[in-house]
Protein backbone atom coordinates (compact mmCIF):
# COMPACT_ATOMS: atom_id res chain seq x y z
CA UNK A 1 17.64 -1.74 78.36
CA UNK A 2 21.07 -2.80 79.50
CA UNK A 3 23.73 -2.78 76.82
CA UNK A 4 24.44 -6.46 77.39
CA UNK A 5 20.81 -7.29 76.52
CA UNK A 6 20.62 -5.96 72.96
CA UNK A 7 19.13 -7.69 69.97
CA UNK A 8 21.80 -9.54 68.03
CA UNK A 9 21.95 -9.31 64.25
CA UNK A 10 23.22 -12.02 61.90
CA UNK A 11 23.79 -11.19 58.24
CA UNK A 12 23.50 -14.31 56.10
CA UNK A 13 25.04 -14.24 52.64
CA UNK A 14 26.30 -16.78 50.15
CA UNK A 15 29.63 -14.99 50.45
CA UNK A 16 31.69 -14.64 53.63
CA UNK A 17 33.20 -11.44 52.26
CA UNK A 18 29.79 -9.88 51.57
CA UNK A 19 28.38 -10.81 54.99
CA UNK A 20 31.45 -9.55 56.85
CA UNK A 21 31.72 -6.37 54.77
CA UNK A 22 28.05 -5.47 55.26
CA UNK A 23 28.48 -6.01 59.01
CA UNK A 24 31.53 -3.71 59.02
CA UNK A 25 29.68 -1.10 56.95
CA UNK A 26 26.68 -1.15 59.29
CA UNK A 27 28.93 -0.82 62.33
CA UNK A 28 30.85 2.05 60.75
CA UNK A 29 27.75 3.96 59.69
CA UNK A 30 26.03 3.36 63.03
CA UNK A 31 29.05 4.67 64.88
CA UNK A 32 28.76 1.97 67.54
CA UNK A 33 31.66 -0.47 67.14
CA UNK A 34 30.41 -2.73 69.94
CA UNK A 35 26.97 -3.38 68.40
CA UNK A 36 26.08 -7.10 68.28
CA UNK A 37 26.26 -7.83 64.55
CA UNK A 38 28.18 -10.43 62.61
CA UNK A 39 28.26 -12.05 59.22
CA UNK A 40 27.50 -15.70 58.53
CA UNK A 41 28.50 -16.16 54.94
CA UNK A 42 29.81 -18.83 52.69
CA UNK A 43 30.64 -22.41 53.51
CA UNK A 44 32.77 -23.64 56.44
CA UNK A 45 35.68 -24.59 54.16
CA UNK A 46 35.36 -21.44 52.07
CA UNK A 47 33.51 -20.89 48.85
CA UNK A 48 30.05 -19.67 48.02
CA UNK A 49 26.95 -21.09 49.69
CA UNK A 50 25.03 -21.02 52.92
CA UNK A 51 25.81 -23.07 55.99
CA UNK A 52 23.32 -23.94 58.72
CA UNK A 53 26.32 -24.58 60.98
CA UNK A 54 27.79 -21.08 60.46
CA UNK A 55 24.38 -19.41 60.84
CA UNK A 56 23.63 -21.29 64.06
CA UNK A 57 27.05 -20.53 65.53
CA UNK A 58 26.75 -16.82 64.65
CA UNK A 59 23.24 -16.58 66.09
CA UNK A 60 24.32 -18.10 69.41
CA UNK A 61 27.37 -15.83 69.52
CA UNK A 62 25.17 -12.73 69.01
CA UNK A 63 22.48 -13.83 71.47
CA UNK A 64 22.40 -11.87 74.70
CA UNK A 65 18.86 -12.84 75.64
CA UNK A 66 17.02 -10.08 73.74
CA UNK A 67 16.56 -12.05 70.52
CA UNK A 68 18.35 -12.41 67.21
CA UNK A 69 17.37 -10.83 63.88
CA UNK A 70 18.55 -12.66 60.78
CA UNK A 71 18.83 -10.77 57.49
CA UNK A 72 19.61 -12.75 54.34
CA UNK A 73 20.67 -12.14 50.76
CA UNK A 74 19.23 -14.73 48.33
CA UNK A 75 16.87 -17.70 48.00
CA UNK A 76 18.75 -20.60 49.54
CA UNK A 77 19.84 -18.40 52.45
CA UNK A 78 16.15 -17.76 53.12
CA UNK A 79 15.42 -21.48 52.93
CA UNK A 80 18.28 -22.35 55.27
CA UNK A 81 17.16 -19.85 57.91
CA UNK A 82 13.51 -20.94 57.57
CA UNK A 83 14.60 -24.54 58.05
CA UNK A 84 16.57 -23.66 61.19
CA UNK A 85 13.59 -21.75 62.58
CA UNK A 86 11.25 -24.65 61.82
CA UNK A 87 13.50 -27.09 63.69
CA UNK A 88 12.83 -25.02 66.77
CA UNK A 89 15.94 -25.83 68.77
CA UNK A 90 18.82 -24.75 66.53
CA UNK A 91 18.55 -20.98 66.96
CA UNK A 92 18.28 -18.96 70.17
CA UNK A 93 14.81 -17.85 71.26
CA UNK A 94 13.49 -15.58 70.05
CA UNK A 95 15.01 -15.55 66.58
CA UNK A 96 13.38 -13.95 63.57
CA UNK A 97 13.96 -13.96 59.83
CA UNK A 98 13.61 -10.34 58.76
CA UNK A 99 12.23 -9.46 55.32
CA UNK A 100 14.59 -6.60 54.48
CA UNK A 101 17.24 -5.61 51.95
CA UNK A 102 20.58 -6.83 53.23
CA UNK A 103 22.64 -3.63 53.17
CA UNK A 104 20.08 -0.96 54.01
CA UNK A 105 18.27 -3.27 56.40
CA UNK A 106 21.49 -4.14 58.21
CA UNK A 107 22.31 -0.48 58.81
CA UNK A 108 18.81 0.25 60.12
CA UNK A 109 18.83 -2.86 62.30
CA UNK A 110 22.25 -2.13 63.82
CA UNK A 111 21.37 1.49 64.61
CA UNK A 112 18.07 0.44 66.19
CA UNK A 113 19.53 -2.49 68.14
CA UNK A 114 22.42 -0.35 69.41
CA UNK A 115 19.82 1.99 70.90
CA UNK A 116 18.38 -0.86 72.95
CA UNK A 117 15.19 -1.53 70.97
CA UNK A 118 13.41 -4.89 71.19
CA UNK A 119 13.38 -7.51 68.43
CA UNK A 120 10.06 -6.35 66.97
CA UNK A 121 11.31 -2.77 66.67
CA UNK A 122 14.66 -3.83 65.20
CA UNK A 123 12.86 -5.99 62.60
CA UNK A 124 10.45 -3.17 61.73
CA UNK A 125 13.32 -0.72 61.23
CA UNK A 126 15.09 -3.12 58.90
CA UNK A 127 11.90 -3.87 56.97
CA UNK A 128 11.25 -0.15 56.49
CA UNK A 129 14.44 -0.04 54.44
CA UNK A 130 12.44 -1.36 51.47
CA UNK A 131 10.90 2.11 51.30
CA UNK A 132 14.27 3.90 50.93
CA UNK A 133 14.15 5.49 47.51
CA UNK A 134 17.25 6.33 45.56
CA UNK A 135 15.56 8.78 43.19
């Protein structure tokens, strides 16, 4: 797959700092600084919350035609992404909400997307992060 046609990854958090920091961590650990990942956190004017506007903008910015995986942190972030997906025309096609832990899932998704995998494979890699045991 051509490098310009990789799955984009959007990390949705209630906090801009968390979303951006997790994106930077995933990029650093993946060792591919040009991987298509970005944060979409907080509210447009600052502060904690989720913004459909910021999520939509980030998803379109990360879209190269191979799809966009959206990983989220907490409840209302899930609801916001589900609402955008249900509207059908807000997010690029295909876009997918991925059921994965934000940090571990982001690292797995970035590594997999950087290798040129399709959306289904990127989502599966992120979802497998639930199985990562710490003990």
